[in-house]
Amino acid sequence: MGVMNKILLPVDVPDAKLKAVRQAAFLARHFHSEIILLHVVAPMSYPVGSLEIGYELTGDLHAEIIKRAQKDLD
């Protein structure tokens, strides 16, 4: 059997499937591998003129979404 150094585990935070996480942990222990969790935060996009709050505030909002996702992953 080949060597498995890293296991990429896509997760949908906070609804990560426990069965998939357990299976990845089992494989990681067996192969002495590293688990890399992947959670994608969709970029925010708005039609022109739909928001009047400006770039700075929407940038802060996106940063907050990423911060919450990181907290869920932790």
C-alpha atoms as a PDB file:
ATOM      1  CA  MET A   1       0.000   0.000   0.000  1.00  0.00           C
ATOM      2  CA  GLY A   2       1.311   3.486  -0.859  1.00  0.00           C
ATOM      3  CA  VAL A   3       2.280   6.175   1.590  1.00  0.00           C
ATOM      4  CA  MET A   4      -0.347   8.771   2.365  1.00  0.00           C
ATOM      5  CA  ASN A   5       1.336  11.898   3.782  1.00  0.00           C
ATOM      6  CA  LYS A   6      -1.657  14.203   3.716  1.00  0.00           C
ATOM      7  CA  ILE A   7      -5.414  13.755   3.720  1.00  0.00           C
ATOM      8  CA  LEU A   8      -7.551  16.557   2.318  1.00  0.00           C
ATOM      9  CA  LEU A   9     -10.911  16.656   4.092  1.00  0.00           C
ATOM     10  CA  PRO A  10     -13.480  19.091   2.689  1.00  0.00           C
ATOM     11  CA  VAL A  11     -15.927  20.173   5.411  1.00  0.00           C
ATOM     12  CA  ASP A  12     -19.085  22.227   5.513  1.00  0.00           C
ATOM     13  CA  VAL A  13     -18.767  24.073   8.805  1.00  0.00           C
ATOM     14  CA  PRO A  14     -20.579  23.788  11.191  1.00  0.00           C
ATOM     15  CA  ASP A  15     -22.330  20.766   9.606  1.00  0.00           C
ATOM     16  CA  ALA A  16     -19.229  18.602   9.124  1.00  0.00           C
ATOM     17  CA  LYS A  17     -20.178  14.959   8.838  1.00  0.00           C
ATOM     18  CA  LEU A  18     -18.782  13.212  11.891  1.00  0.00           C
ATOM     19  CA  LYS A  19     -18.471   9.893  10.025  1.00  0.00           C
ATOM     20  CA  ALA A  20     -16.137  11.459   7.426  1.00  0.00           C
ATOM     21  CA  VAL A  21     -14.074  13.160  10.140  1.00  0.00           C
ATOM     22  CA  ARG A  22     -13.720   9.883  12.050  1.00  0.00           C
ATOM     23  CA  GLN A  23     -12.709   8.011   8.899  1.00  0.00           C
ATOM     24  CA  ALA A  24     -10.085  10.655   8.072  1.00  0.00           C
ATOM     25  CA  ALA A  25      -8.758  10.453  11.650  1.00  0.00           C
ATOM     26  CA  PHE A  26      -8.555   6.661  11.408  1.00  0.00           C
ATOM     27  CA  LEU A  27      -6.620   6.869   8.138  1.00  0.00           C
ATOM     28  CA  ALA A  28      -4.344   9.599   9.510  1.00  0.00           C
ATOM     29  CA  ARG A  29      -3.449   7.483  12.537  1.00  0.00           C
ATOM     30  CA  HIS A  30      -2.895   4.392  10.397  1.00  0.00           C
ATOM     31  CA  PHE A  31      -0.658   6.129   7.857  1.00  0.00           C
ATOM     32  CA  HIS A  32       0.835   8.711  10.269  1.00  0.00           C
ATOM     33  CA  SER A  33      -0.615  11.392   8.011  1.00  0.00           C
ATOM     34  CA  GLU A  34      -1.580  15.006   8.369  1.00  0.00           C
ATOM     35  CA  ILE A  35      -5.242  16.015   7.921  1.00  0.00           C
ATOM     36  CA  ILE A  36      -5.885  19.230   6.038  1.00  0.00           C
ATOM     37  CA  LEU A  37      -9.394  20.604   6.503  1.00  0.00           C
ATOM     38  CA  LEU A  38     -10.822  22.553   3.571  1.00  0.00           C
ATOM     39  CA  HIS A  39     -13.713  24.938   4.064  1.00  0.00           C
ATOM     40  CA  VAL A  40     -14.527  27.399   1.296  1.00  0.00           C
ATOM     41  CA  VAL A  41     -16.038  30.788   2.090  1.00  0.00           C
ATOM     42  CA  ALA A  42     -17.874  32.026  -0.986  1.00  0.00           C
ATOM     43  CA  PRO A  43     -16.861  35.517  -2.106  1.00  0.00           C
ATOM     44  CA  MET A  44     -19.475  38.184  -1.620  1.00  0.00           C
ATOM     45  CA  SER A  45     -20.786  39.802  -4.758  1.00  0.00           C
ATOM     46  CA  TYR A  46     -23.548  42.328  -5.203  1.00  0.00           C
ATOM     47  CA  PRO A  47     -25.090  43.955  -8.255  1.00  0.00           C
ATOM     48  CA  VAL A  48     -23.854  47.497  -8.807  1.00  0.00           C
ATOM     49  CA  GLY A  49     -25.883  49.946  -6.754  1.00  0.00           C
ATOM     50  CA  SER A  50     -27.520  47.330  -4.540  1.00  0.00           C
ATOM     51  CA  LEU A  51     -25.494  48.318  -1.501  1.00  0.00           C
ATOM     52  CA  GLU A  52     -24.867  51.800  -0.307  1.00  0.00           C
ATOM     53  CA  ILE A  53     -22.610  50.868   2.572  1.00  0.00           C
ATOM     54  CA  GLY A  54     -19.362  51.020   0.650  1.00  0.00           C
ATOM     55  CA  TYR A  55     -16.394  48.754   0.065  1.00  0.00           C
ATOM     56  CA  GLU A  56     -14.845  49.151   3.500  1.00  0.00           C
ATOM     57  CA  LEU A  57     -17.909  47.861   5.345  1.00  0.00           C
ATOM     58  CA  THR A  58     -18.473  44.940   2.966  1.00  0.00           C
ATOM     59  CA  GLY A  59     -14.773  44.081   3.309  1.00  0.00           C
ATOM     60  CA  ASP A  60     -15.199  44.062   7.087  1.00  0.00           C
ATOM     61  CA  LEU A  61     -18.284  41.853   6.733  1.00  0.00           C
ATOM     62  CA  HIS A  62     -16.389  39.353   4.588  1.00  0.00           C
ATOM     63  CA  ALA A  63     -13.533  39.361   7.115  1.00  0.00           C
ATOM     64  CA  GLU A  64     -16.055  38.596   9.874  1.00  0.00           C
ATOM     65  CA  ILE A  65     -17.478  35.660   7.881  1.00  0.00           C
ATOM     66  CA  ILE A  66     -13.974  34.250   7.458  1.00  0.00           C
ATOM     67  CA  LYS A  67     -13.251  34.793  11.165  1.00  0.00           C
ATOM     68  CA  ARG A  68     -16.395  32.850  12.160  1.00  0.00           C
ATOM     69  CA  ALA A  69     -15.545  30.022   9.751  1.00  0.00           C
ATOM     70  CA  GLN A  70     -12.057  29.801  11.278  1.00  0.00           C
ATOM     71  CA  LYS A  71     -13.576  29.649  14.759  1.00  0.00           C
ATOM     72  CA  ASP A  72     -15.874  26.800  13.648  1.00  0.00           C
ATOM     73  CA  LEU A  73     -12.915  24.903  12.167  1.00  0.00           C
ATOM     74  CA  ASP A  74     -10.936  25.348  15.379  1.00  0.00           C
END
